[in-house]
Amino acid sequence: MAVLASGGPARAESSGEQARESFRVVDRRGRQRFLASSSKPPVITGGKTYPADQRQGPDGTYLIFNDGGGNEKGGIVASSVGASLSLDYTNAQAITMATRWEGVHGAALLEMKHMPDPALPIGQVPAMPPRVQLGCSTVEGAFLVLSDSRGRPRIVLEIDGADNPMIKVLDSQGRVVGQLPDTPAGRHS
């Protein structure tokens, strides 16, 4: 393994550390295995490098993990309004654990997405729907959403912001077909 620094000249700090915009760890073949960057980096997958503007996510600090072929397989992002950890399929995100905050309001989310056809190039992968979402929010409460293969919520377990628990079963159009507890007068909302 070799470590390559990039992004401008290093400055010696009083602590002995060197300032760098990014650094890469590459293997003997020159393939990237790890990248730490203070700006949004390009995406490397399927043997191709895609520009940074095609990367999802905010501007912030990025730690990118690559497999033996140099393909991105996940990473950690930290910004001024949140942080996330992502693990990837061959050509799309698979699992994301994230936090977001603004003032006194915050939220945390664990999301698992449907896997796309692994043969599709990254530019041709359609948006993959989340199948499982587990989260909590200071405003909305806590929830678990199980969705069908098209990303439509079908089962929702929640405790809302006022601490009221509810379980909903929805049809493919999003209509409630079963609910606990029932709403007043036996109506379904």
N, C-alpha and C. Protein backbone atom coordinates (compact mmCIF):
# COMPACT_ATOMS: atom_id res chain seq x y z
N MET A 1 0.84 -1.18 0.00
CA MET A 1 0.00 0.00 0.00
C MET A 1 0.88 1.24 0.00
N ALA A 2 0.40 2.24 -0.68
CA ALA A 2 1.11 3.52 -0.72
C ALA A 2 0.13 4.62 -0.37
N VAL A 3 0.61 5.66 0.21
CA VAL A 3 -0.22 6.81 0.55
C VAL A 3 0.20 7.95 -0.36
N LEU A 4 -0.77 8.52 -1.07
CA LEU A 4 -0.49 9.64 -1.96
C LEU A 4 -1.25 10.85 -1.46
N ALA A 5 -0.57 11.94 -1.25
CA ALA A 5 -1.22 13.17 -0.82
C ALA A 5 -1.45 14.04 -2.04
N SER A 6 -2.55 14.78 -2.02
CA SER A 6 -2.84 15.68 -3.14
C SER A 6 -3.54 16.92 -2.65
N GLY A 7 -3.77 17.84 -3.57
CA GLY A 7 -4.58 18.98 -3.24
C GLY A 7 -3.83 20.18 -2.74
N GLY A 8 -2.65 20.41 -3.21
CA GLY A 8 -1.96 21.63 -2.83
C GLY A 8 -0.80 21.37 -1.91
N PRO A 9 -0.01 22.39 -1.70
CA PRO A 9 1.19 22.23 -0.89
C PRO A 9 0.87 21.99 0.58
N ALA A 10 1.71 21.19 1.21
CA ALA A 10 1.54 20.93 2.63
C ALA A 10 2.13 22.09 3.42
N ARG A 11 1.53 22.38 4.54
CA ARG A 11 2.05 23.41 5.43
C ARG A 11 2.40 22.73 6.75
N ALA A 12 3.52 23.06 7.27
CA ALA A 12 3.90 22.51 8.57
C ALA A 12 3.15 23.29 9.65
N GLU A 13 2.48 22.59 10.51
CA GLU A 13 1.77 23.21 11.63
C GLU A 13 2.65 23.07 12.88
N SER A 14 2.34 23.82 13.89
CA SER A 14 3.14 23.78 15.10
C SER A 14 3.08 22.40 15.77
N SER A 15 2.01 21.63 15.52
CA SER A 15 1.89 20.31 16.13
C SER A 15 2.65 19.25 15.34
N GLY A 16 3.22 19.61 14.20
CA GLY A 16 3.92 18.63 13.37
C GLY A 16 3.03 18.02 12.31
N GLU A 17 1.73 18.33 12.32
CA GLU A 17 0.83 17.80 11.31
C GLU A 17 1.00 18.56 10.01
N GLN A 18 0.59 17.94 8.91
CA GLN A 18 0.64 18.60 7.62
C GLN A 18 -0.79 18.83 7.13
N ALA A 19 -1.04 20.02 6.59
CA ALA A 19 -2.36 20.34 6.07
C ALA A 19 -2.46 19.84 4.63
N ARG A 20 -3.51 19.11 4.32
CA ARG A 20 -3.75 18.60 2.98
C ARG A 20 -5.25 18.66 2.72
N GLU A 21 -5.61 18.86 1.45
CA GLU A 21 -7.02 18.82 1.08
C GLU A 21 -7.52 17.39 1.00
N SER A 22 -6.63 16.44 0.63
CA SER A 22 -7.03 15.04 0.57
C SER A 22 -5.80 14.15 0.57
N PHE A 23 -6.05 12.87 0.85
CA PHE A 23 -5.00 11.88 0.65
C PHE A 23 -5.65 10.56 0.26
N ARG A 24 -4.89 9.78 -0.53
CA ARG A 24 -5.37 8.49 -1.02
C ARG A 24 -4.43 7.39 -0.58
N VAL A 25 -5.00 6.24 -0.33
CA VAL A 25 -4.23 5.03 -0.12
C VAL A 25 -4.48 4.17 -1.35
N VAL A 26 -3.41 3.78 -2.03
CA VAL A 26 -3.53 2.94 -3.22
C VAL A 26 -2.79 1.63 -2.99
N ASP A 27 -3.20 0.58 -3.73
CA ASP A 27 -2.51 -0.70 -3.62
C ASP A 27 -1.33 -0.75 -4.59
N ARG A 28 -0.66 -1.88 -4.68
CA ARG A 28 0.53 -2.01 -5.53
C ARG A 28 0.23 -1.78 -7.00
N ARG A 29 -1.02 -2.01 -7.40
CA ARG A 29 -1.40 -1.81 -8.80
C ARG A 29 -1.79 -0.36 -9.08
N GLY A 30 -1.78 0.48 -8.06
CA GLY A 30 -2.15 1.88 -8.23
C GLY A 30 -3.64 2.14 -8.09
N ARG A 31 -4.40 1.15 -7.64
CA ARG A 31 -5.84 1.32 -7.47
C ARG A 31 -6.15 1.92 -6.11
N GLN A 32 -7.07 2.88 -6.13
CA GLN A 32 -7.48 3.53 -4.89
C GLN A 32 -8.17 2.53 -3.98
N ARG A 33 -7.76 2.50 -2.70
CA ARG A 33 -8.40 1.65 -1.71
C ARG A 33 -9.09 2.45 -0.62
N PHE A 34 -8.65 3.72 -0.43
CA PHE A 34 -9.22 4.59 0.59
C PHE A 34 -8.91 6.03 0.19
N LEU A 35 -9.88 6.92 0.40
CA LEU A 35 -9.68 8.34 0.12
C LEU A 35 -10.26 9.15 1.27
N ALA A 36 -9.52 10.11 1.73
CA ALA A 36 -10.01 11.11 2.69
C ALA A 36 -9.91 12.44 1.98
N SER A 37 -11.05 13.17 1.91
CA SER A 37 -11.06 14.42 1.16
C SER A 37 -11.90 15.47 1.89
N SER A 38 -11.45 16.71 1.82
CA SER A 38 -12.18 17.81 2.44
C SER A 38 -13.17 18.44 1.46
N SER A 39 -13.34 17.83 0.28
CA SER A 39 -14.35 18.28 -0.67
C SER A 39 -14.94 17.05 -1.36
N LYS A 40 -16.07 17.23 -2.03
CA LYS A 40 -16.77 16.13 -2.68
C LYS A 40 -15.88 15.53 -3.78
N PRO A 41 -15.51 14.24 -3.66
CA PRO A 41 -14.62 13.62 -4.64
C PRO A 41 -15.39 12.97 -5.79
N PRO A 42 -14.69 12.61 -6.87
CA PRO A 42 -15.33 11.86 -7.95
C PRO A 42 -15.74 10.47 -7.46
N VAL A 43 -16.57 9.80 -8.24
CA VAL A 43 -17.02 8.44 -7.94
C VAL A 43 -16.25 7.49 -8.84
N ILE A 44 -15.68 6.43 -8.27
CA ILE A 44 -14.98 5.41 -9.05
C ILE A 44 -15.76 4.11 -8.93
N THR A 45 -16.30 3.63 -10.05
CA THR A 45 -17.03 2.36 -10.06
C THR A 45 -17.04 1.78 -11.46
N GLY A 46 -17.02 0.47 -11.55
CA GLY A 46 -17.04 -0.19 -12.84
C GLY A 46 -15.85 0.15 -13.71
N GLY A 47 -14.72 0.50 -13.09
CA GLY A 47 -13.54 0.87 -13.85
C GLY A 47 -13.58 2.26 -14.45
N LYS A 48 -14.60 3.04 -14.11
CA LYS A 48 -14.73 4.41 -14.63
C LYS A 48 -14.73 5.40 -13.48
N THR A 49 -14.30 6.61 -13.79
CA THR A 49 -14.34 7.70 -12.83
C THR A 49 -15.37 8.72 -13.29
N TYR A 50 -16.33 9.02 -12.40
CA TYR A 50 -17.39 9.98 -12.69
C TYR A 50 -17.11 11.26 -11.92
N PRO A 51 -17.40 12.43 -12.52
CA PRO A 51 -17.08 13.70 -11.85
C PRO A 51 -17.81 13.87 -10.51
N ALA A 52 -17.21 14.67 -9.66
CA ALA A 52 -17.75 14.90 -8.31
C ALA A 52 -19.18 15.44 -8.35
N ASP A 53 -19.55 16.19 -9.39
CA ASP A 53 -20.92 16.74 -9.43
C ASP A 53 -21.98 15.66 -9.64
N GLN A 54 -21.57 14.43 -9.96
CA GLN A 54 -22.52 13.33 -10.09
C GLN A 54 -22.66 12.56 -8.77
N ARG A 55 -21.92 12.95 -7.76
CA ARG A 55 -22.02 12.31 -6.45
C ARG A 55 -23.18 12.89 -5.67
N GLN A 56 -23.98 12.02 -5.04
CA GLN A 56 -25.03 12.48 -4.14
C GLN A 56 -24.38 12.97 -2.86
N GLY A 57 -25.10 13.78 -2.12
CA GLY A 57 -24.61 14.20 -0.82
C GLY A 57 -24.16 15.64 -0.79
N PRO A 58 -24.00 16.14 0.42
CA PRO A 58 -23.63 17.55 0.62
C PRO A 58 -22.13 17.76 0.46
N ASP A 59 -21.75 19.02 0.42
CA ASP A 59 -20.33 19.35 0.52
C ASP A 59 -19.93 19.07 1.96
N GLY A 60 -18.76 18.52 2.14
CA GLY A 60 -18.31 18.19 3.48
C GLY A 60 -17.02 17.39 3.42
N THR A 61 -16.75 16.65 4.48
CA THR A 61 -15.59 15.79 4.55
C THR A 61 -16.00 14.38 4.16
N TYR A 62 -15.24 13.77 3.26
CA TYR A 62 -15.56 12.44 2.74
C TYR A 62 -14.45 11.45 3.07
N LEU A 63 -14.83 10.28 3.53
CA LEU A 63 -13.94 9.13 3.69
C LEU A 63 -14.54 8.04 2.81
N ILE A 64 -13.83 7.64 1.75
CA ILE A 64 -14.35 6.70 0.77
C ILE A 64 -13.58 5.38 0.88
N PHE A 65 -14.31 4.26 0.85
CA PHE A 65 -13.72 2.92 0.90
C PHE A 65 -13.87 2.26 -0.46
N ASN A 66 -12.81 1.65 -0.95
CA ASN A 66 -12.83 0.99 -2.26
C ASN A 66 -12.45 -0.48 -2.11
N ASP A 67 -12.98 -1.31 -3.05
CA ASP A 67 -12.64 -2.73 -3.04
C ASP A 67 -11.32 -2.97 -3.78
N GLY A 68 -10.93 -4.23 -3.96
CA GLY A 68 -9.67 -4.57 -4.60
C GLY A 68 -9.58 -4.12 -6.04
N GLY A 69 -10.72 -3.90 -6.70
CA GLY A 69 -10.73 -3.40 -8.07
C GLY A 69 -10.72 -1.89 -8.15
N GLY A 70 -10.69 -1.22 -7.00
CA GLY A 70 -10.72 0.24 -6.98
C GLY A 70 -12.11 0.83 -6.97
N ASN A 71 -13.15 -0.02 -7.01
CA ASN A 71 -14.54 0.45 -7.04
C ASN A 71 -15.01 0.89 -5.66
N GLU A 72 -15.74 1.99 -5.63
CA GLU A 72 -16.27 2.51 -4.37
C GLU A 72 -17.28 1.53 -3.78
N LYS A 73 -17.15 1.26 -2.49
CA LYS A 73 -18.06 0.34 -1.81
C LYS A 73 -18.70 0.95 -0.57
N GLY A 74 -18.45 2.23 -0.33
CA GLY A 74 -19.07 2.88 0.81
C GLY A 74 -18.24 4.05 1.27
N GLY A 75 -18.77 4.71 2.30
CA GLY A 75 -18.03 5.84 2.82
C GLY A 75 -18.75 6.53 3.96
N ILE A 76 -18.08 7.52 4.48
CA ILE A 76 -18.60 8.35 5.56
C ILE A 76 -18.53 9.80 5.09
N VAL A 77 -19.61 10.54 5.32
CA VAL A 77 -19.65 11.96 4.97
C VAL A 77 -20.04 12.74 6.22
N ALA A 78 -19.34 13.84 6.48
CA ALA A 78 -19.68 14.72 7.59
C ALA A 78 -19.79 16.14 7.03
N SER A 79 -20.94 16.78 7.31
CA SER A 79 -21.14 18.16 6.86
C SER A 79 -21.61 18.99 8.04
N SER A 80 -21.91 20.25 7.80
CA SER A 80 -22.33 21.14 8.88
C SER A 80 -23.77 20.87 9.33
N VAL A 81 -24.54 20.07 8.58
CA VAL A 81 -25.93 19.80 8.95
C VAL A 81 -26.24 18.32 9.12
N GLY A 82 -25.21 17.45 9.07
CA GLY A 82 -25.47 16.03 9.24
C GLY A 82 -24.25 15.19 8.96
N ALA A 83 -24.45 13.89 9.11
CA ALA A 83 -23.40 12.92 8.84
C ALA A 83 -24.05 11.64 8.37
N SER A 84 -23.32 10.85 7.57
CA SER A 84 -23.88 9.58 7.10
C SER A 84 -22.79 8.55 6.85
N LEU A 85 -23.20 7.30 6.95
CA LEU A 85 -22.37 6.16 6.61
C LEU A 85 -23.13 5.39 5.55
N SER A 86 -22.51 5.10 4.43
CA SER A 86 -23.16 4.37 3.35
C SER A 86 -22.36 3.14 2.97
N LEU A 87 -23.08 2.06 2.67
CA LEU A 87 -22.49 0.84 2.14
C LEU A 87 -23.17 0.61 0.79
N ASP A 88 -22.38 0.22 -0.21
CA ASP A 88 -22.88 0.22 -1.58
C ASP A 88 -23.02 -1.17 -2.19
N TYR A 89 -23.98 -1.27 -3.14
CA TYR A 89 -24.01 -2.37 -4.09
C TYR A 89 -22.96 -2.06 -5.15
N THR A 90 -22.91 -2.85 -6.21
CA THR A 90 -21.95 -2.63 -7.28
C THR A 90 -22.10 -1.25 -7.91
N ASN A 91 -23.35 -0.78 -8.09
CA ASN A 91 -23.58 0.46 -8.84
C ASN A 91 -24.59 1.40 -8.17
N ALA A 92 -24.87 1.21 -6.90
CA ALA A 92 -25.84 2.07 -6.20
C ALA A 92 -25.65 1.91 -4.69
N GLN A 93 -26.20 2.86 -3.94
CA GLN A 93 -26.15 2.76 -2.49
C GLN A 93 -27.09 1.64 -2.03
N ALA A 94 -26.68 0.91 -1.00
CA ALA A 94 -27.48 -0.18 -0.46
C ALA A 94 -28.05 0.19 0.91
N ILE A 95 -27.18 0.58 1.82
CA ILE A 95 -27.58 0.91 3.19
C ILE A 95 -27.01 2.28 3.54
N THR A 96 -27.85 3.12 4.11
CA THR A 96 -27.39 4.43 4.57
C THR A 96 -27.88 4.64 6.00
N MET A 97 -26.98 5.05 6.85
CA MET A 97 -27.30 5.45 8.21
C MET A 97 -26.93 6.92 8.31
N ALA A 98 -27.91 7.77 8.65
CA ALA A 98 -27.66 9.20 8.57
C ALA A 98 -28.27 9.96 9.73
N THR A 99 -27.69 11.13 10.01
CA THR A 99 -28.25 12.08 10.96
C THR A 99 -28.37 13.43 10.25
N ARG A 100 -29.34 14.20 10.66
CA ARG A 100 -29.53 15.56 10.15
C ARG A 100 -30.00 16.42 11.33
N TRP A 101 -29.65 17.68 11.30
CA TRP A 101 -30.12 18.57 12.35
C TRP A 101 -30.20 20.00 11.84
N GLU A 102 -31.08 20.75 12.47
CA GLU A 102 -31.22 22.18 12.21
C GLU A 102 -31.74 22.80 13.49
N GLY A 103 -30.94 23.64 14.12
CA GLY A 103 -31.33 24.25 15.39
C GLY A 103 -31.55 23.18 16.44
N VAL A 104 -32.75 23.16 17.06
CA VAL A 104 -33.06 22.19 18.11
C VAL A 104 -33.74 20.95 17.55
N HIS A 105 -33.92 20.85 16.25
CA HIS A 105 -34.57 19.69 15.63
C HIS A 105 -33.53 18.79 14.98
N GLY A 106 -33.69 17.50 15.20
CA GLY A 106 -32.78 16.54 14.61
C GLY A 106 -33.50 15.27 14.21
N ALA A 107 -32.85 14.48 13.37
CA ALA A 107 -33.41 13.22 12.93
C ALA A 107 -32.29 12.23 12.66
N ALA A 108 -32.60 10.95 12.83
CA ALA A 108 -31.68 9.87 12.51
C ALA A 108 -32.44 8.85 11.67
N LEU A 109 -31.77 8.26 10.66
CA LEU A 109 -32.45 7.36 9.74
C LEU A 109 -31.51 6.23 9.33
N LEU A 110 -32.05 5.02 9.30
CA LEU A 110 -31.40 3.86 8.72
C LEU A 110 -32.26 3.45 7.54
N GLU A 111 -31.67 3.40 6.34
CA GLU A 111 -32.43 3.11 5.13
C GLU A 111 -31.74 2.00 4.34
N MET A 112 -32.54 1.02 3.89
CA MET A 112 -32.03 -0.06 3.05
C MET A 112 -32.77 0.01 1.72
N LYS A 113 -32.00 0.03 0.62
CA LYS A 113 -32.59 0.21 -0.70
C LYS A 113 -32.59 -1.09 -1.50
N HIS A 114 -33.50 -1.11 -2.47
CA HIS A 114 -33.61 -2.23 -3.41
C HIS A 114 -32.35 -2.28 -4.28
N MET A 115 -31.86 -3.47 -4.61
CA MET A 115 -30.66 -3.61 -5.44
C MET A 115 -31.02 -3.52 -6.92
N PRO A 116 -30.31 -2.66 -7.69
CA PRO A 116 -30.54 -2.59 -9.13
C PRO A 116 -29.83 -3.72 -9.86
N ASP A 117 -30.09 -3.82 -11.15
CA ASP A 117 -29.38 -4.77 -12.00
C ASP A 117 -27.89 -4.41 -11.92
N PRO A 118 -27.02 -5.32 -11.43
CA PRO A 118 -25.60 -4.97 -11.27
C PRO A 118 -24.87 -4.75 -12.59
N ALA A 119 -25.47 -5.14 -13.72
CA ALA A 119 -24.82 -4.94 -15.02
C ALA A 119 -25.02 -3.53 -15.57
N LEU A 120 -25.94 -2.75 -14.98
CA LEU A 120 -26.19 -1.40 -15.47
C LEU A 120 -25.05 -0.46 -15.11
N PRO A 121 -24.57 0.35 -16.07
CA PRO A 121 -23.58 1.38 -15.73
C PRO A 121 -24.21 2.40 -14.78
N ILE A 122 -23.40 3.04 -13.97
CA ILE A 122 -23.90 3.96 -12.94
C ILE A 122 -24.81 5.05 -13.51
N GLY A 123 -24.53 5.53 -14.70
CA GLY A 123 -25.35 6.58 -15.30
C GLY A 123 -26.71 6.11 -15.77
N GLN A 124 -26.93 4.79 -15.84
CA GLN A 124 -28.20 4.24 -16.30
C GLN A 124 -29.02 3.61 -15.19
N VAL A 125 -28.53 3.67 -13.95
CA VAL A 125 -29.24 3.08 -12.83
C VAL A 125 -30.40 4.00 -12.44
N PRO A 126 -31.64 3.48 -12.48
CA PRO A 126 -32.76 4.32 -12.04
C PRO A 126 -32.69 4.52 -10.52
N ALA A 127 -33.43 5.48 -10.03
CA ALA A 127 -33.48 5.71 -8.59
C ALA A 127 -34.00 4.43 -7.93
N MET A 128 -33.25 3.93 -6.99
CA MET A 128 -33.63 2.69 -6.30
C MET A 128 -34.47 3.04 -5.08
N PRO A 129 -35.65 2.41 -4.98
CA PRO A 129 -36.53 2.76 -3.87
C PRO A 129 -36.05 2.17 -2.55
N PRO A 130 -36.29 2.88 -1.46
CA PRO A 130 -36.01 2.29 -0.15
C PRO A 130 -37.03 1.20 0.14
N ARG A 131 -36.56 0.07 0.69
CA ARG A 131 -37.46 -1.01 1.09
C ARG A 131 -37.73 -0.96 2.58
N VAL A 132 -36.75 -0.49 3.37
CA VAL A 132 -36.88 -0.42 4.82
C VAL A 132 -36.36 0.93 5.28
N GLN A 133 -37.14 1.62 6.11
CA GLN A 133 -36.70 2.87 6.73
C GLN A 133 -37.03 2.81 8.21
N LEU A 134 -36.02 3.04 9.03
CA LEU A 134 -36.17 3.08 10.48
C LEU A 134 -35.61 4.41 10.93
N GLY A 135 -36.44 5.20 11.62
CA GLY A 135 -35.94 6.51 11.98
C GLY A 135 -36.63 7.12 13.18
N CYS A 136 -36.09 8.25 13.58
CA CYS A 136 -36.71 9.05 14.64
C CYS A 136 -36.41 10.50 14.36
N SER A 137 -37.31 11.34 14.82
CA SER A 137 -37.21 12.77 14.61
C SER A 137 -37.75 13.48 15.84
N THR A 138 -37.14 14.59 16.21
CA THR A 138 -37.63 15.33 17.37
C THR A 138 -39.03 15.86 17.13
N VAL A 139 -39.43 16.06 15.89
CA VAL A 139 -40.76 16.58 15.56
C VAL A 139 -41.75 15.46 15.27
N GLU A 140 -41.35 14.48 14.44
CA GLU A 140 -42.28 13.47 13.94
C GLU A 140 -42.35 12.21 14.78
N GLY A 141 -41.45 11.99 15.73
CA GLY A 141 -41.46 10.78 16.54
C GLY A 141 -40.58 9.70 15.94
N ALA A 142 -41.00 8.42 16.14
CA ALA A 142 -40.22 7.28 15.66
C ALA A 142 -41.06 6.47 14.68
N PHE A 143 -40.39 5.81 13.71
CA PHE A 143 -41.15 5.07 12.70
C PHE A 143 -40.33 3.93 12.10
N LEU A 144 -41.05 2.94 11.60
CA LEU A 144 -40.51 1.86 10.80
C LEU A 144 -41.43 1.72 9.60
N VAL A 145 -40.89 1.86 8.40
CA VAL A 145 -41.67 1.78 7.17
C VAL A 145 -41.12 0.64 6.33
N LEU A 146 -42.00 -0.31 5.97
CA LEU A 146 -41.66 -1.40 5.08
C LEU A 146 -42.36 -1.14 3.75
N SER A 147 -41.59 -1.09 2.66
CA SER A 147 -42.14 -0.72 1.36
C SER A 147 -42.03 -1.88 0.38
N ASP A 148 -42.88 -1.83 -0.66
CA ASP A 148 -42.84 -2.86 -1.69
C ASP A 148 -41.70 -2.58 -2.67
N SER A 149 -41.57 -3.42 -3.70
CA SER A 149 -40.44 -3.31 -4.63
C SER A 149 -40.46 -2.03 -5.45
N ARG A 150 -41.57 -1.31 -5.46
CA ARG A 150 -41.65 -0.03 -6.16
C ARG A 150 -41.48 1.16 -5.21
N GLY A 151 -41.16 0.88 -3.94
CA GLY A 151 -40.91 1.94 -2.97
C GLY A 151 -42.17 2.50 -2.32
N ARG A 152 -43.30 1.84 -2.51
CA ARG A 152 -44.55 2.31 -1.91
C ARG A 152 -44.67 1.76 -0.50
N PRO A 153 -44.85 2.63 0.52
CA PRO A 153 -45.02 2.14 1.89
C PRO A 153 -46.22 1.20 1.98
N ARG A 154 -46.03 0.04 2.63
CA ARG A 154 -47.13 -0.92 2.78
C ARG A 154 -47.44 -1.21 4.24
N ILE A 155 -46.43 -1.16 5.11
CA ILE A 155 -46.64 -1.32 6.55
C ILE A 155 -45.88 -0.20 7.26
N VAL A 156 -46.58 0.52 8.13
CA VAL A 156 -45.97 1.63 8.87
C VAL A 156 -46.25 1.44 10.35
N LEU A 157 -45.20 1.38 11.13
CA LEU A 157 -45.30 1.38 12.59
C LEU A 157 -44.74 2.70 13.05
N GLU A 158 -45.51 3.41 13.88
CA GLU A 158 -45.01 4.72 14.31
C GLU A 158 -45.48 5.09 15.70
N ILE A 159 -44.69 5.94 16.31
CA ILE A 159 -45.09 6.64 17.53
C ILE A 159 -44.87 8.10 17.18
N ASP A 160 -45.95 8.84 17.02
CA ASP A 160 -45.85 10.21 16.52
C ASP A 160 -45.21 11.15 17.55
N GLY A 161 -45.07 12.40 17.18
CA GLY A 161 -44.43 13.39 18.03
C GLY A 161 -45.15 13.64 19.35
N ALA A 162 -46.45 13.25 19.42
CA ALA A 162 -47.21 13.39 20.66
C ALA A 162 -47.28 12.07 21.43
N ASP A 163 -46.42 11.10 21.08
CA ASP A 163 -46.31 9.79 21.74
C ASP A 163 -47.51 8.88 21.52
N ASN A 164 -48.23 9.05 20.42
CA ASN A 164 -49.35 8.19 20.08
C ASN A 164 -48.87 7.06 19.17
N PRO A 165 -49.04 5.78 19.57
CA PRO A 165 -48.59 4.67 18.74
C PRO A 165 -49.63 4.34 17.66
N MET A 166 -49.16 3.81 16.51
CA MET A 166 -50.07 3.42 15.45
C MET A 166 -49.38 2.41 14.53
N ILE A 167 -50.16 1.46 14.04
CA ILE A 167 -49.72 0.51 13.03
C ILE A 167 -50.68 0.64 11.86
N LYS A 168 -50.15 0.83 10.64
CA LYS A 168 -50.98 0.96 9.45
C LYS A 168 -50.54 -0.05 8.40
N VAL A 169 -51.52 -0.64 7.74
CA VAL A 169 -51.28 -1.47 6.56
C VAL A 169 -51.91 -0.73 5.39
N LEU A 170 -51.12 -0.50 4.33
CA LEU A 170 -51.59 0.28 3.19
C LEU A 170 -51.64 -0.56 1.92
N ASP A 171 -52.56 -0.20 1.03
CA ASP A 171 -52.59 -0.87 -0.27
C ASP A 171 -51.60 -0.18 -1.21
N SER A 172 -51.54 -0.63 -2.45
CA SER A 172 -50.54 -0.10 -3.38
C SER A 172 -50.79 1.36 -3.77
N GLN A 173 -52.00 1.89 -3.50
CA GLN A 173 -52.29 3.30 -3.77
C GLN A 173 -52.09 4.17 -2.53
N GLY A 174 -51.64 3.58 -1.42
CA GLY A 174 -51.38 4.33 -0.20
C GLY A 174 -52.58 4.49 0.71
N ARG A 175 -53.68 3.81 0.37
CA ARG A 175 -54.87 3.86 1.24
C ARG A 175 -54.71 2.90 2.41
N VAL A 176 -55.13 3.33 3.59
CA VAL A 176 -55.07 2.50 4.79
C VAL A 176 -56.14 1.42 4.69
N VAL A 177 -55.72 0.15 4.75
CA VAL A 177 -56.67 -0.97 4.70
C VAL A 177 -56.78 -1.67 6.04
N GLY A 178 -55.90 -1.34 6.96
CA GLY A 178 -55.95 -1.86 8.32
C GLY A 178 -55.15 -0.95 9.22
N GLN A 179 -55.64 -0.78 10.46
CA GLN A 179 -54.98 0.17 11.35
C GLN A 179 -55.24 -0.20 12.79
N LEU A 180 -54.23 -0.05 13.63
CA LEU A 180 -54.37 -0.20 15.08
C LEU A 180 -53.73 1.02 15.72
N PRO A 181 -54.35 1.71 16.64
CA PRO A 181 -55.76 1.56 16.98
C PRO A 181 -56.65 2.13 15.89
N ASP A 182 -57.92 1.69 15.88
CA ASP A 182 -58.87 2.23 14.91
C ASP A 182 -59.11 3.70 15.19
N THR A 183 -59.44 4.44 14.14
CA THR A 183 -59.78 5.85 14.32
C THR A 183 -61.21 5.92 14.85
N PRO A 184 -61.64 7.08 15.36
CA PRO A 184 -63.00 7.21 15.91
C PRO A 184 -64.05 6.78 14.90
N ALA A 185 -65.11 6.14 15.37
CA ALA A 185 -66.27 5.70 14.60
C ALA A 185 -65.88 4.64 13.57
N GLY A 186 -64.78 3.96 13.79
CA GLY A 186 -64.38 2.87 12.91
C GLY A 186 -63.88 3.30 11.55
N ARG A 187 -63.69 4.62 11.34
CA ARG A 187 -63.18 5.10 10.05
C ARG A 187 -61.71 4.80 9.95
N HIS A 188 -61.25 4.58 8.72
CA HIS A 188 -59.82 4.44 8.45
C HIS A 188 -59.35 5.72 7.82
N SER A 189 -58.20 6.21 8.28
CA SER A 189 -57.68 7.45 7.70
C SER A 189 -56.69 7.17 6.61
